[in-house]
């Protein structure tokens, strides 16, 4: 699946044991963040940004459900795309 929104395009593949996402981000502010980094630093930043983003989405989904519901694993499909 590929989604494009202006200067941001994403390709996603979901297999039995893995998830692969490719991001093409042509926004100048993103380019500035990564420009002065080494390849190793860019990779590390991308990993941390991915993990932080997933944690944020999961937390938002839990918050959207309400504090009274028992804790259980969240399916990201329960988070409406409009809240991303």
PDB file of N, CA and C in Angstrom:
ATOM      1  N   UNK A   1       0.844  -1.170   0.000  1.00  0.00           N
ATOM      2  CA  UNK A   1       0.000   0.000   0.000  1.00  0.00           C
ATOM      3  C   UNK A   1       0.890   1.233   0.000  1.00  0.00           C
ATOM      4  N   UNK A   2       0.564   2.203  -0.811  1.00  0.00           N
ATOM      5  CA  UNK A   2       1.301   3.455  -0.848  1.00  0.00           C
ATOM      6  C   UNK A   2       0.335   4.605  -0.626  1.00  0.00           C
ATOM      7  N   UNK A   3       0.693   5.483   0.278  1.00  0.00           N
ATOM      8  CA  UNK A   3      -0.097   6.682   0.529  1.00  0.00           C
ATOM      9  C   UNK A   3       0.785   7.885   0.293  1.00  0.00           C
ATOM     10  N   UNK A   4       0.243   8.894  -0.324  1.00  0.00           N
ATOM     11  CA  UNK A   4       0.999  10.106  -0.580  1.00  0.00           C
ATOM     12  C   UNK A   4       0.197  11.307  -0.120  1.00  0.00           C
ATOM     13  N   UNK A   5       0.849  12.214   0.570  1.00  0.00           N
ATOM     14  CA  UNK A   5       0.204  13.451   1.003  1.00  0.00           C
ATOM     15  C   UNK A   5       1.221  14.563   0.816  1.00  0.00           C
ATOM     16  N   UNK A   6       1.202  15.172  -0.354  1.00  0.00           N
ATOM     17  CA  UNK A   6       2.153  16.232  -0.630  1.00  0.00           C
ATOM     18  C   UNK A   6       3.570  15.704  -0.697  1.00  0.00           C
ATOM     19  N   UNK A   7       4.422  16.217   0.164  1.00  0.00           N
ATOM     20  CA  UNK A   7       5.841  15.875   0.151  1.00  0.00           C
ATOM     21  C   UNK A   7       6.141  14.637   0.988  1.00  0.00           C
ATOM     22  N   UNK A   8       5.114  13.898   1.380  1.00  0.00           N
ATOM     23  CA  UNK A   8       5.301  12.718   2.214  1.00  0.00           C
ATOM     24  C   UNK A   8       4.602  11.530   1.555  1.00  0.00           C
ATOM     25  N   UNK A   9       5.363  10.466   1.285  1.00  0.00           N
ATOM     26  CA  UNK A   9       4.808   9.246   0.690  1.00  0.00           C
ATOM     27  C   UNK A   9       5.251   8.059   1.530  1.00  0.00           C
ATOM     28  N   UNK A  10       4.347   7.105   1.739  1.00  0.00           N
ATOM     29  CA  UNK A  10       4.635   5.939   2.569  1.00  0.00           C
ATOM     30  C   UNK A  10       4.222   4.678   1.826  1.00  0.00           C
ATOM     31  N   UNK A  11       5.086   3.680   1.868  1.00  0.00           N
ATOM     32  CA  UNK A  11       4.788   2.370   1.314  1.00  0.00           C
ATOM     33  C   UNK A  11       4.827   1.371   2.462  1.00  0.00           C
ATOM     34  N   UNK A  12       3.796   0.534   2.573  1.00  0.00           N
ATOM     35  CA  UNK A  12       3.687  -0.394   3.698  1.00  0.00           C
ATOM     36  C   UNK A  12       3.455  -1.813   3.182  1.00  0.00           C
ATOM     37  N   UNK A  13       4.196  -2.762   3.757  1.00  0.00           N
ATOM     38  CA  UNK A  13       4.001  -4.184   3.475  1.00  0.00           C
ATOM     39  C   UNK A  13       3.808  -4.912   4.795  1.00  0.00           C
ATOM     40  N   UNK A  14       2.799  -5.742   4.866  1.00  0.00           N
ATOM     41  CA  UNK A  14       2.559  -6.546   6.056  1.00  0.00           C
ATOM     42  C   UNK A  14       2.608  -8.011   5.661  1.00  0.00           C
ATOM     43  N   UNK A  15       3.561  -8.734   6.240  1.00  0.00           N
ATOM     44  CA  UNK A  15       3.720 -10.161   5.999  1.00  0.00           C
ATOM     45  C   UNK A  15       3.405 -10.905   7.283  1.00  0.00           C
ATOM     46  N   UNK A  16       3.457 -12.231   7.230  1.00  0.00           N
ATOM     47  CA  UNK A  16       3.136 -13.025   8.414  1.00  0.00           C
ATOM     48  C   UNK A  16       3.990 -12.658   9.624  1.00  0.00           C
ATOM     49  N   UNK A  17       5.285 -12.497   9.433  1.00  0.00           N
ATOM     50  CA  UNK A  17       6.158 -12.264  10.572  1.00  0.00           C
ATOM     51  C   UNK A  17       6.813 -10.898  10.604  1.00  0.00           C
ATOM     52  N   UNK A  18       6.465 -10.028   9.667  1.00  0.00           N
ATOM     53  CA  UNK A  18       7.148  -8.739   9.655  1.00  0.00           C
ATOM     54  C   UNK A  18       6.258  -7.632   9.105  1.00  0.00           C
ATOM     55  N   UNK A  19       6.693  -6.433   9.387  1.00  0.00           N
ATOM     56  CA  UNK A  19       6.040  -5.220   8.905  1.00  0.00           C
ATOM     57  C   UNK A  19       7.141  -4.355   8.309  1.00  0.00           C
ATOM     58  N   UNK A  20       6.963  -3.887   7.106  1.00  0.00           N
ATOM     59  CA  UNK A  20       7.972  -3.054   6.449  1.00  0.00           C
ATOM     60  C   UNK A  20       7.314  -1.764   6.004  1.00  0.00           C
ATOM     61  N   UNK A  21       7.938  -0.655   6.379  1.00  0.00           N
ATOM     62  CA  UNK A  21       7.449   0.656   5.966  1.00  0.00           C
ATOM     63  C   UNK A  21       8.598   1.445   5.355  1.00  0.00           C
ATOM     64  N   UNK A  22       8.316   2.094   4.264  1.00  0.00           N
ATOM     65  CA  UNK A  22       9.298   2.954   3.618  1.00  0.00           C
ATOM     66  C   UNK A  22       8.694   4.350   3.534  1.00  0.00           C
ATOM     67  N   UNK A  23       9.446   5.339   3.978  1.00  0.00           N
ATOM     68  CA  UNK A  23       8.951   6.712   4.017  1.00  0.00           C
ATOM     69  C   UNK A  23       9.798   7.579   3.103  1.00  0.00           C
ATOM     70  N   UNK A  24       9.152   8.284   2.202  1.00  0.00           N
ATOM     71  CA  UNK A  24       9.810   9.294   1.370  1.00  0.00           C
ATOM     72  C   UNK A  24       9.282  10.643   1.835  1.00  0.00           C
ATOM     73  N   UNK A  25      10.146  11.394   2.486  1.00  0.00           N
ATOM     74  CA  UNK A  25       9.755  12.669   3.080  1.00  0.00           C
ATOM     75  C   UNK A  25      10.573  13.780   2.436  1.00  0.00           C
ATOM     76  N   UNK A  26       9.944  14.572   1.619  1.00  0.00           N
ATOM     77  CA  UNK A  26      10.629  15.647   0.900  1.00  0.00           C
ATOM     78  C   UNK A  26      10.500  16.999   1.598  1.00  0.00           C
ATOM     79  N   UNK A  27       9.981  17.001   2.812  1.00  0.00           N
ATOM     80  CA  UNK A  27       9.820  18.266   3.528  1.00  0.00           C
ATOM     81  C   UNK A  27      11.180  18.790   3.974  1.00  0.00           C
ATOM     82  N   UNK A  28      11.393  20.083   3.798  1.00  0.00           N
ATOM     83  CA  UNK A  28      12.696  20.672   4.109  1.00  0.00           C
ATOM     84  C   UNK A  28      13.036  20.565   5.590  1.00  0.00           C
ATOM     85  N   UNK A  29      12.044  20.679   6.469  1.00  0.00           N
ATOM     86  CA  UNK A  29      12.328  20.585   7.902  1.00  0.00           C
ATOM     87  C   UNK A  29      12.848  19.198   8.287  1.00  0.00           C
ATOM     88  N   UNK A  30      12.349  18.168   7.639  1.00  0.00           N
ATOM     89  CA  UNK A  30      12.846  16.817   7.911  1.00  0.00           C
ATOM     90  C   UNK A  30      14.257  16.658   7.360  1.00  0.00           C
ATOM     91  N   UNK A  31      14.493  17.173   6.182  1.00  0.00           N
ATOM     92  CA  UNK A  31      15.819  17.094   5.567  1.00  0.00           C
ATOM     93  C   UNK A  31      16.858  17.761   6.466  1.00  0.00           C
ATOM     94  N   UNK A  32      16.517  18.903   7.037  1.00  0.00           N
ATOM     95  CA  UNK A  32      17.445  19.619   7.920  1.00  0.00           C
ATOM     96  C   UNK A  32      17.808  18.795   9.152  1.00  0.00           C
ATOM     97  N   UNK A  33      16.864  18.043   9.678  1.00  0.00           N
ATOM     98  CA  UNK A  33      17.108  17.225  10.871  1.00  0.00           C
ATOM     99  C   UNK A  33      18.158  16.155  10.576  1.00  0.00           C
ATOM    100  N   UNK A  34      18.054  15.507   9.420  1.00  0.00           N
ATOM    101  CA  UNK A  34      18.916  14.376   9.094  1.00  0.00           C
ATOM    102  C   UNK A  34      20.205  14.777   8.381  1.00  0.00           C
ATOM    103  N   UNK A  35      20.256  15.965   7.791  1.00  0.00           N
ATOM    104  CA  UNK A  35      21.366  16.369   6.913  1.00  0.00           C
ATOM    105  C   UNK A  35      22.734  16.285   7.578  1.00  0.00           C
ATOM    106  N   UNK A  36      22.886  16.782   8.775  1.00  0.00           N
ATOM    107  CA  UNK A  36      24.202  16.830   9.415  1.00  0.00           C
ATOM    108  C   UNK A  36      24.601  15.568  10.149  1.00  0.00           C
ATOM    109  N   UNK A  37      23.830  14.514  10.022  1.00  0.00           N
ATOM    110  CA  UNK A  37      24.107  13.275  10.761  1.00  0.00           C
ATOM    111  C   UNK A  37      24.876  12.279   9.902  1.00  0.00           C
ATOM    112  N   UNK A  38      25.627  11.416  10.572  1.00  0.00           N
ATOM    113  CA  UNK A  38      26.274  10.302   9.870  1.00  0.00           C
ATOM    114  C   UNK A  38      25.212   9.263   9.537  1.00  0.00           C
ATOM    115  N   UNK A  39      25.560   8.299   8.687  1.00  0.00           N
ATOM    116  CA  UNK A  39      24.611   7.232   8.352  1.00  0.00           C
ATOM    117  C   UNK A  39      24.158   6.493   9.604  1.00  0.00           C
ATOM    118  N   UNK A  40      25.088   6.223  10.492  1.00  0.00           N
ATOM    119  CA  UNK A  40      24.755   5.509  11.736  1.00  0.00           C
ATOM    120  C   UNK A  40      23.791   6.331  12.591  1.00  0.00           C
ATOM    121  N   UNK A  41      24.052   7.619  12.691  1.00  0.00           N
ATOM    122  CA  UNK A  41      23.168   8.495  13.474  1.00  0.00           C
ATOM    123  C   UNK A  41      21.790   8.620  12.827  1.00  0.00           C
ATOM    124  N   UNK A  42      21.747   8.680  11.508  1.00  0.00           N
ATOM    125  CA  UNK A  42      20.452   8.742  10.803  1.00  0.00           C
ATOM    126  C   UNK A  42      19.632   7.493  11.070  1.00  0.00           C
ATOM    127  N   UNK A  43      20.294   6.341  10.980  1.00  0.00           N
ATOM    128  CA  UNK A  43      19.589   5.086  11.244  1.00  0.00           C
ATOM    129  C   UNK A  43      19.086   5.027  12.676  1.00  0.00           C
ATOM    130  N   UNK A  44      19.927   5.443  13.622  1.00  0.00           N
ATOM    131  CA  UNK A  44      19.531   5.421  15.032  1.00  0.00           C
ATOM    132  C   UNK A  44      18.363   6.370  15.275  1.00  0.00           C
ATOM    133  N   UNK A  45      18.401   7.561  14.670  1.00  0.00           N
ATOM    134  CA  UNK A  45      17.306   8.515  14.831  1.00  0.00           C
ATOM    135  C   UNK A  45      16.017   7.963  14.237  1.00  0.00           C
ATOM    136  N   UNK A  46      16.111   7.336  13.071  1.00  0.00           N
ATOM    137  CA  UNK A  46      14.926   6.748  12.437  1.00  0.00           C
ATOM    138  C   UNK A  46      14.321   5.653  13.320  1.00  0.00           C
ATOM    139  N   UNK A  47      15.172   4.820  13.914  1.00  0.00           N
ATOM    140  CA  UNK A  47      14.687   3.758  14.810  1.00  0.00           C
ATOM    141  C   UNK A  47      13.968   4.368  16.014  1.00  0.00           C
ATOM    142  N   UNK A  48      14.586   5.365  16.630  1.00  0.00           N
ATOM    143  CA  UNK A  48      13.980   5.993  17.813  1.00  0.00           C
ATOM    144  C   UNK A  48      12.687   6.719  17.454  1.00  0.00           C
ATOM    145  N   UNK A  49      12.664   7.375  16.303  1.00  0.00           N
ATOM    146  CA  UNK A  49      11.439   8.062  15.866  1.00  0.00           C
ATOM    147  C   UNK A  49      10.323   7.053  15.627  1.00  0.00           C
ATOM    148  N   UNK A  50      10.652   5.915  15.033  1.00  0.00           N
ATOM    149  CA  UNK A  50       9.656   4.873  14.785  1.00  0.00           C
ATOM    150  C   UNK A  50       9.093   4.338  16.105  1.00  0.00           C
ATOM    151  N   UNK A  51      10.000   3.990  17.032  1.00  0.00           N
ATOM    152  CA  UNK A  51       9.556   3.443  18.313  1.00  0.00           C
ATOM    153  C   UNK A  51       8.724   4.458  19.090  1.00  0.00           C
ATOM    154  N   UNK A  52       9.149   5.715  19.092  1.00  0.00           N
ATOM    155  CA  UNK A  52       8.401   6.759  19.802  1.00  0.00           C
ATOM    156  C   UNK A  52       7.025   6.965  19.160  1.00  0.00           C
ATOM    157  N   UNK A  53       6.984   6.924  17.843  1.00  0.00           N
ATOM    158  CA  UNK A  53       5.707   7.091  17.148  1.00  0.00           C
ATOM    159  C   UNK A  53       4.732   5.969  17.447  1.00  0.00           C
ATOM    160  N   UNK A  54       5.213   4.742  17.443  1.00  0.00           N
ATOM    161  CA  UNK A  54       4.346   3.594  17.752  1.00  0.00           C
ATOM    162  C   UNK A  54       3.840   3.684  19.185  1.00  0.00           C
ATOM    163  N   UNK A  55       4.749   4.005  20.137  1.00  0.00           N
ATOM    164  CA  UNK A  55       4.319   4.150  21.536  1.00  0.00           C
ATOM    165  C   UNK A  55       3.261   5.239  21.674  1.00  0.00           C
ATOM    166  N   UNK A  56       3.430   6.341  20.954  1.00  0.00           N
ATOM    167  CA  UNK A  56       2.475   7.446  21.020  1.00  0.00           C
ATOM    168  C   UNK A  56       1.118   7.023  20.482  1.00  0.00           C
ATOM    169  N   UNK A  57       1.103   6.304  19.361  1.00  0.00           N
ATOM    170  CA  UNK A  57      -0.161   5.839  18.801  1.00  0.00           C
ATOM    171  C   UNK A  57      -0.875   4.869  19.736  1.00  0.00           C
ATOM    172  N   UNK A  58      -0.122   3.962  20.330  1.00  0.00           N
ATOM    173  CA  UNK A  58      -0.712   2.999  21.265  1.00  0.00           C
ATOM    174  C   UNK A  58      -1.285   3.727  22.479  1.00  0.00           C
ATOM    175  N   UNK A  59      -0.529   4.681  23.026  1.00  0.00           N
ATOM    176  CA  UNK A  59      -1.012   5.442  24.180  1.00  0.00           C
ATOM    177  C   UNK A  59      -2.249   6.255  23.819  1.00  0.00           C
ATOM    178  N   UNK A  60      -2.269   6.835  22.640  1.00  0.00           N
ATOM    179  CA  UNK A  60      -3.441   7.607  22.201  1.00  0.00           C
ATOM    180  C   UNK A  60      -4.658   6.709  22.079  1.00  0.00           C
ATOM    181  N   UNK A  61      -4.452   5.515  21.576  1.00  0.00           N
ATOM    182  CA  UNK A  61      -5.562   4.569  21.458  1.00  0.00           C
ATOM    183  C   UNK A  61      -6.106   4.164  22.810  1.00  0.00           C
ATOM    184  N   UNK A  62      -5.214   3.942  23.748  1.00  0.00           N
ATOM    185  CA  UNK A  62      -5.652   3.594  25.097  1.00  0.00           C
ATOM    186  C   UNK A  62      -6.400   4.751  25.732  1.00  0.00           C
ATOM    187  N   UNK A  63      -5.886   5.949  25.535  1.00  0.00           N
ATOM    188  CA  UNK A  63      -6.560   7.125  26.088  1.00  0.00           C
ATOM    189  C   UNK A  63      -7.924   7.336  25.461  1.00  0.00           C
ATOM    190  N   UNK A  64      -8.044   7.044  24.179  1.00  0.00           N
ATOM    191  CA  UNK A  64      -9.322   7.213  23.482  1.00  0.00           C
ATOM    192  C   UNK A  64     -10.371   6.231  23.986  1.00  0.00           C
ATOM    193  N   UNK A  65      -9.926   5.089  24.455  1.00  0.00           N
ATOM    194  CA  UNK A  65     -10.865   4.090  24.981  1.00  0.00           C
ATOM    195  C   UNK A  65     -11.455   4.485  26.324  1.00  0.00           C
ATOM    196  N   UNK A  66     -10.721   5.278  27.057  1.00  0.00           N
ATOM    197  CA  UNK A  66     -11.186   5.675  28.380  1.00  0.00           C
ATOM    198  C   UNK A  66     -10.432   4.936  29.462  1.00  0.00           C
ATOM    199  N   UNK A  67     -10.296   5.592  30.581  1.00  0.00           N
ATOM    200  CA  UNK A  67      -9.519   5.038  31.694  1.00  0.00           C
ATOM    201  C   UNK A  67     -10.252   3.923  32.424  1.00  0.00           C
ATOM    202  N   UNK A  68     -11.556   3.804  32.261  1.00  0.00           N
ATOM    203  CA  UNK A  68     -12.321   2.803  32.998  1.00  0.00           C
ATOM    204  C   UNK A  68     -12.235   1.404  32.407  1.00  0.00           C
ATOM    205  N   UNK A  69     -11.828   1.307  31.146  1.00  0.00           N
ATOM    206  CA  UNK A  69     -11.741  -0.016  30.531  1.00  0.00           C
ATOM    207  C   UNK A  69     -10.514  -0.763  31.033  1.00  0.00           C
ATOM    208  N   UNK A  70     -10.611  -2.078  31.182  1.00  0.00           N
ATOM    209  CA  UNK A  70      -9.440  -2.856  31.594  1.00  0.00           C
ATOM    210  C   UNK A  70      -8.346  -2.769  30.538  1.00  0.00           C
ATOM    211  N   UNK A  71      -7.096  -2.860  30.995  1.00  0.00           N
ATOM    212  CA  UNK A  71      -5.951  -2.810  30.083  1.00  0.00           C
ATOM    213  C   UNK A  71      -5.878  -4.097  29.282  1.00  0.00           C
ATOM    214  N   UNK A  72      -5.730  -3.956  27.988  1.00  0.00           N
ATOM    215  CA  UNK A  72      -5.559  -5.102  27.102  1.00  0.00           C
ATOM    216  C   UNK A  72      -4.804  -4.619  25.875  1.00  0.00           C
ATOM    217  N   UNK A  73      -4.218  -5.528  25.117  1.00  0.00           N
ATOM    218  CA  UNK A  73      -3.480  -5.097  23.927  1.00  0.00           C
ATOM    219  C   UNK A  73      -4.377  -4.302  22.986  1.00  0.00           C
ATOM    220  N   UNK A  74      -3.794  -3.302  22.354  1.00  0.00           N
ATOM    221  CA  UNK A  74      -4.560  -2.451  21.451  1.00  0.00           C
ATOM    222  C   UNK A  74      -4.282  -2.830  20.007  1.00  0.00           C
ATOM    223  N   UNK A  75      -5.310  -2.773  19.207  1.00  0.00           N
ATOM    224  CA  UNK A  75      -5.141  -2.916  17.765  1.00  0.00           C
ATOM    225  C   UNK A  75      -5.126  -1.510  17.197  1.00  0.00           C
ATOM    226  N   UNK A  76      -4.076  -1.167  16.471  1.00  0.00           N
ATOM    227  CA  UNK A  76      -3.960   0.182  15.944  1.00  0.00           C
ATOM    228  C   UNK A  76      -5.113   0.533  15.015  1.00  0.00           C
ATOM    229  N   UNK A  77      -5.806  -0.475  14.488  1.00  0.00           N
ATOM    230  CA  UNK A  77      -6.935  -0.190  13.614  1.00  0.00           C
ATOM    231  C   UNK A  77      -8.079   0.460  14.376  1.00  0.00           C
ATOM    232  N   UNK A  78      -8.016   0.428  15.711  1.00  0.00           N
ATOM    233  CA  UNK A  78      -9.067   1.074  16.502  1.00  0.00           C
ATOM    234  C   UNK A  78      -8.830   2.570  16.651  1.00  0.00           C
ATOM    235  N   UNK A  79      -7.668   3.060  16.213  1.00  0.00           N
ATOM    236  CA  UNK A  79      -7.361   4.486  16.282  1.00  0.00           C
ATOM    237  C   UNK A  79      -7.758   5.110  14.953  1.00  0.00           C
ATOM    238  N   UNK A  80      -8.697   6.033  14.956  1.00  0.00           N
ATOM    239  CA  UNK A  80      -9.125   6.618  13.682  1.00  0.00           C
ATOM    240  C   UNK A  80      -7.979   7.386  13.031  1.00  0.00           C
ATOM    241  N   UNK A  81      -7.791   7.215  11.714  1.00  0.00           N
ATOM    242  CA  UNK A  81      -6.692   7.900  11.009  1.00  0.00           C
ATOM    243  C   UNK A  81      -6.730   9.420  11.196  1.00  0.00           C
ATOM    244  N   UNK A  82      -7.891   9.985  11.433  1.00  0.00           N
ATOM    245  CA  UNK A  82      -7.974  11.435  11.611  1.00  0.00           C
ATOM    246  C   UNK A  82      -7.236  11.910  12.847  1.00  0.00           C
ATOM    247  N   UNK A  83      -6.947  11.003  13.798  1.00  0.00           N
ATOM    248  CA  UNK A  83      -6.229  11.396  15.009  1.00  0.00           C
ATOM    249  C   UNK A  83      -4.731  11.225  14.863  1.00  0.00           C
ATOM    250  N   UNK A  84      -4.264  10.722  13.704  1.00  0.00           N
ATOM    251  CA  UNK A  84      -2.831  10.538  13.485  1.00  0.00           C
ATOM    252  C   UNK A  84      -2.283  11.854  13.180  1.00  0.00           C
TER     253      UNK A  84
END
